[in-house]
Amino acid sequence: MVKKITFLSKGFTEILTSQATLSLVKKKADEVAKRAGEGFEVKSRIGDYKNTPRAIAVVYPKTKMAYTAQAEDFALQKAVGGMK
């Protein structure tokens, strides 16, 4: 038997869009960028994901060397796999 859980979406939205959550998400993204190597950068913001507002951070290659590290060595995937 499947039971449905109803969440208080206003409360979840407040948590997902808080500055504390954004800071935590950015901190984790910064750790990934550091592990990936030189030339990776982070952009973070409060945005929408699947029509739900939340803290979002993206790690991306900024330099040619970082693009090459990602394309040839999967630097970001390895960096995420090393997260604790």
N, C-alpha and C. Protein backbone atom coordinates (compact mmCIF):
# COMPACT_ATOMS: atom_id res chain seq x y z
N MET A 1 0.83 -1.17 0.00
CA MET A 1 0.00 0.00 0.00
C MET A 1 0.88 1.25 0.00
N VAL A 2 0.63 2.14 -0.91
CA VAL A 2 1.39 3.37 -1.04
C VAL A 2 0.65 4.48 -0.31
N LYS A 3 1.38 5.19 0.54
CA LYS A 3 0.80 6.33 1.24
C LYS A 3 1.43 7.60 0.70
N LYS A 4 0.64 8.62 0.58
CA LYS A 4 1.12 9.89 0.05
C LYS A 4 1.50 10.81 1.20
N ILE A 5 2.64 11.45 1.07
CA ILE A 5 3.10 12.42 2.05
C ILE A 5 2.87 13.81 1.48
N THR A 6 2.25 14.66 2.25
CA THR A 6 2.03 16.04 1.82
C THR A 6 3.01 16.93 2.57
N PHE A 7 3.84 17.64 1.83
CA PHE A 7 4.81 18.54 2.42
C PHE A 7 4.24 19.96 2.47
N LEU A 8 4.71 20.74 3.39
CA LEU A 8 4.33 22.14 3.46
C LEU A 8 5.22 22.90 2.48
N SER A 9 4.72 23.13 1.29
CA SER A 9 5.58 23.67 0.23
C SER A 9 6.10 25.06 0.54
N LYS A 10 5.37 25.89 1.28
CA LYS A 10 5.88 27.21 1.63
C LYS A 10 7.15 27.08 2.47
N GLY A 11 7.12 26.16 3.43
CA GLY A 11 8.29 25.95 4.28
C GLY A 11 9.47 25.41 3.50
N PHE A 12 9.23 24.46 2.59
CA PHE A 12 10.30 23.92 1.75
C PHE A 12 10.87 24.99 0.84
N THR A 13 10.01 25.82 0.28
CA THR A 13 10.47 26.90 -0.60
C THR A 13 11.36 27.86 0.17
N GLU A 14 10.98 28.18 1.41
CA GLU A 14 11.81 29.07 2.22
C GLU A 14 13.19 28.47 2.47
N ILE A 15 13.23 27.18 2.73
CA ILE A 15 14.52 26.51 2.96
C ILE A 15 15.34 26.47 1.66
N LEU A 16 14.71 26.07 0.57
CA LEU A 16 15.42 25.91 -0.71
C LEU A 16 15.94 27.23 -1.26
N THR A 17 15.31 28.34 -0.88
CA THR A 17 15.71 29.64 -1.43
C THR A 17 16.43 30.52 -0.40
N SER A 18 16.75 29.97 0.75
CA SER A 18 17.40 30.77 1.79
C SER A 18 18.87 31.04 1.43
N GLN A 19 19.40 32.12 2.00
CA GLN A 19 20.81 32.44 1.79
C GLN A 19 21.71 31.37 2.40
N ALA A 20 21.26 30.77 3.50
CA ALA A 20 22.05 29.69 4.12
C ALA A 20 22.18 28.50 3.17
N THR A 21 21.08 28.14 2.50
CA THR A 21 21.12 27.03 1.55
C THR A 21 21.99 27.39 0.36
N LEU A 22 21.85 28.61 -0.15
CA LEU A 22 22.66 29.05 -1.29
C LEU A 22 24.14 29.01 -0.92
N SER A 23 24.48 29.45 0.29
CA SER A 23 25.88 29.43 0.74
C SER A 23 26.42 28.01 0.82
N LEU A 24 25.62 27.09 1.32
CA LEU A 24 26.03 25.69 1.42
C LEU A 24 26.22 25.07 0.04
N VAL A 25 25.30 25.32 -0.87
CA VAL A 25 25.39 24.78 -2.24
C VAL A 25 26.62 25.35 -2.94
N LYS A 26 26.86 26.66 -2.77
CA LYS A 26 28.04 27.28 -3.40
C LYS A 26 29.32 26.72 -2.80
N LYS A 27 29.34 26.52 -1.49
CA LYS A 27 30.53 25.96 -0.84
C LYS A 27 30.86 24.58 -1.42
N LYS A 28 29.86 23.73 -1.58
CA LYS A 28 30.08 22.40 -2.15
C LYS A 28 30.54 22.50 -3.60
N ALA A 29 29.96 23.42 -4.36
CA ALA A 29 30.38 23.60 -5.76
C ALA A 29 31.82 24.10 -5.82
N ASP A 30 32.19 25.00 -4.91
CA ASP A 30 33.58 25.48 -4.86
C ASP A 30 34.55 24.33 -4.57
N GLU A 31 34.14 23.40 -3.70
CA GLU A 31 34.98 22.23 -3.41
C GLU A 31 35.15 21.37 -4.66
N VAL A 32 34.08 21.19 -5.41
CA VAL A 32 34.17 20.40 -6.65
C VAL A 32 35.10 21.10 -7.64
N ALA A 33 34.93 22.42 -7.80
CA ALA A 33 35.78 23.17 -8.73
C ALA A 33 37.25 23.07 -8.34
N LYS A 34 37.52 23.15 -7.05
CA LYS A 34 38.91 23.05 -6.58
C LYS A 34 39.49 21.66 -6.88
N ARG A 35 38.69 20.61 -6.63
CA ARG A 35 39.17 19.26 -6.91
C ARG A 35 39.33 19.01 -8.41
N ALA A 36 38.51 19.65 -9.22
CA ALA A 36 38.58 19.45 -10.67
C ALA A 36 39.87 20.05 -11.24
N GLY A 37 40.38 21.08 -10.60
CA GLY A 37 41.65 21.66 -11.04
C GLY A 37 41.53 23.11 -11.46
N GLU A 38 42.64 23.62 -11.89
CA GLU A 38 42.72 25.03 -12.30
C GLU A 38 41.83 25.29 -13.51
N GLY A 39 41.18 26.45 -13.52
CA GLY A 39 40.40 26.86 -14.67
C GLY A 39 38.91 26.56 -14.58
N PHE A 40 38.47 25.92 -13.50
CA PHE A 40 37.05 25.66 -13.32
C PHE A 40 36.47 26.74 -12.42
N GLU A 41 35.28 27.21 -12.76
CA GLU A 41 34.64 28.27 -12.00
C GLU A 41 33.24 27.86 -11.58
N VAL A 42 32.69 28.63 -10.65
CA VAL A 42 31.36 28.36 -10.11
C VAL A 42 30.47 29.58 -10.31
N LYS A 43 29.24 29.32 -10.73
CA LYS A 43 28.20 30.34 -10.74
C LYS A 43 27.08 29.81 -9.86
N SER A 44 26.56 30.66 -8.97
CA SER A 44 25.47 30.23 -8.10
C SER A 44 24.40 31.31 -8.08
N ARG A 45 23.16 30.87 -7.82
CA ARG A 45 22.04 31.81 -7.79
C ARG A 45 20.82 31.09 -7.24
N ILE A 46 19.79 31.86 -6.96
CA ILE A 46 18.49 31.30 -6.67
C ILE A 46 17.76 31.26 -8.01
N GLY A 47 17.33 30.08 -8.43
CA GLY A 47 16.67 29.93 -9.72
C GLY A 47 15.60 28.85 -9.65
N ASP A 48 15.09 28.49 -10.79
CA ASP A 48 14.06 27.45 -10.86
C ASP A 48 14.63 26.16 -11.43
N TYR A 49 14.23 25.06 -10.83
CA TYR A 49 14.54 23.73 -11.35
C TYR A 49 13.24 22.96 -11.33
N LYS A 50 12.77 22.57 -12.51
CA LYS A 50 11.49 21.87 -12.65
C LYS A 50 10.36 22.65 -11.96
N ASN A 51 10.34 23.96 -12.24
CA ASN A 51 9.31 24.87 -11.71
C ASN A 51 9.30 24.99 -10.20
N THR A 52 10.43 24.71 -9.57
CA THR A 52 10.55 24.86 -8.13
C THR A 52 11.73 25.78 -7.84
N PRO A 53 11.50 26.89 -7.14
CA PRO A 53 12.62 27.78 -6.81
C PRO A 53 13.56 27.11 -5.82
N ARG A 54 14.86 27.29 -6.06
CA ARG A 54 15.86 26.67 -5.19
C ARG A 54 17.23 27.28 -5.45
N ALA A 55 18.17 26.98 -4.55
CA ALA A 55 19.56 27.39 -4.73
C ALA A 55 20.20 26.48 -5.78
N ILE A 56 20.92 27.09 -6.71
CA ILE A 56 21.55 26.34 -7.80
C ILE A 56 23.01 26.79 -7.92
N ALA A 57 23.89 25.85 -8.14
CA ALA A 57 25.29 26.17 -8.43
C ALA A 57 25.75 25.30 -9.59
N VAL A 58 26.54 25.89 -10.47
CA VAL A 58 27.06 25.19 -11.64
C VAL A 58 28.57 25.34 -11.66
N VAL A 59 29.28 24.24 -11.84
CA VAL A 59 30.73 24.26 -12.01
C VAL A 59 30.99 24.04 -13.49
N TYR A 60 31.82 24.91 -14.08
CA TYR A 60 32.06 24.80 -15.51
C TYR A 60 33.52 25.14 -15.83
N PRO A 61 34.02 24.61 -16.94
CA PRO A 61 35.39 24.94 -17.35
C PRO A 61 35.43 26.35 -17.94
N LYS A 62 36.32 27.18 -17.44
CA LYS A 62 36.43 28.57 -17.90
C LYS A 62 37.59 28.75 -18.88
N THR A 63 38.64 27.94 -18.74
CA THR A 63 39.82 28.10 -19.58
C THR A 63 39.94 26.93 -20.57
N LYS A 64 40.79 27.12 -21.55
CA LYS A 64 41.02 26.06 -22.54
C LYS A 64 41.60 24.81 -21.86
N MET A 65 42.48 25.03 -20.89
CA MET A 65 43.08 23.90 -20.17
C MET A 65 42.00 23.12 -19.41
N ALA A 66 41.07 23.84 -18.81
CA ALA A 66 39.98 23.17 -18.07
C ALA A 66 39.04 22.43 -19.03
N TYR A 67 38.74 23.04 -20.18
CA TYR A 67 37.92 22.36 -21.18
C TYR A 67 38.58 21.04 -21.60
N THR A 68 39.88 21.10 -21.82
CA THR A 68 40.62 19.90 -22.23
C THR A 68 40.60 18.85 -21.11
N ALA A 69 40.80 19.29 -19.87
CA ALA A 69 40.77 18.36 -18.73
C ALA A 69 39.41 17.69 -18.63
N GLN A 70 38.36 18.45 -18.87
CA GLN A 70 37.01 17.87 -18.82
C GLN A 70 36.78 16.91 -19.99
N ALA A 71 37.15 17.34 -21.19
CA ALA A 71 36.89 16.53 -22.38
C ALA A 71 37.70 15.23 -22.39
N GLU A 72 38.94 15.30 -21.98
CA GLU A 72 39.81 14.13 -22.08
C GLU A 72 39.86 13.28 -20.80
N ASP A 73 39.75 13.95 -19.65
CA ASP A 73 39.95 13.23 -18.38
C ASP A 73 38.72 13.19 -17.48
N PHE A 74 37.61 13.80 -17.93
CA PHE A 74 36.38 13.82 -17.13
C PHE A 74 36.63 14.40 -15.74
N ALA A 75 37.31 15.54 -15.70
CA ALA A 75 37.73 16.16 -14.44
C ALA A 75 36.57 16.43 -13.50
N LEU A 76 35.45 16.92 -14.01
CA LEU A 76 34.31 17.22 -13.14
C LEU A 76 33.68 15.95 -12.56
N GLN A 77 33.53 14.94 -13.38
CA GLN A 77 32.95 13.69 -12.88
C GLN A 77 33.82 13.09 -11.80
N LYS A 78 35.14 13.13 -12.00
CA LYS A 78 36.05 12.62 -10.99
C LYS A 78 35.97 13.46 -9.72
N ALA A 79 35.85 14.78 -9.88
CA ALA A 79 35.77 15.66 -8.71
C ALA A 79 34.51 15.42 -7.92
N VAL A 80 33.41 15.18 -8.57
CA VAL A 80 32.15 14.90 -7.87
C VAL A 80 32.23 13.54 -7.17
N GLY A 81 32.84 12.57 -7.81
CA GLY A 81 32.98 11.26 -7.22
C GLY A 81 33.82 11.27 -5.96
N GLY A 82 34.66 12.30 -5.82
CA GLY A 82 35.50 12.40 -4.65
C GLY A 82 34.87 13.18 -3.51
N MET A 83 33.64 13.65 -3.70
CA MET A 83 32.98 14.42 -2.64
C MET A 83 32.63 13.54 -1.46
N LYS A 84 32.72 14.12 -0.29
CA LYS A 84 32.37 13.38 0.94
C LYS A 84 31.25 14.08 1.62
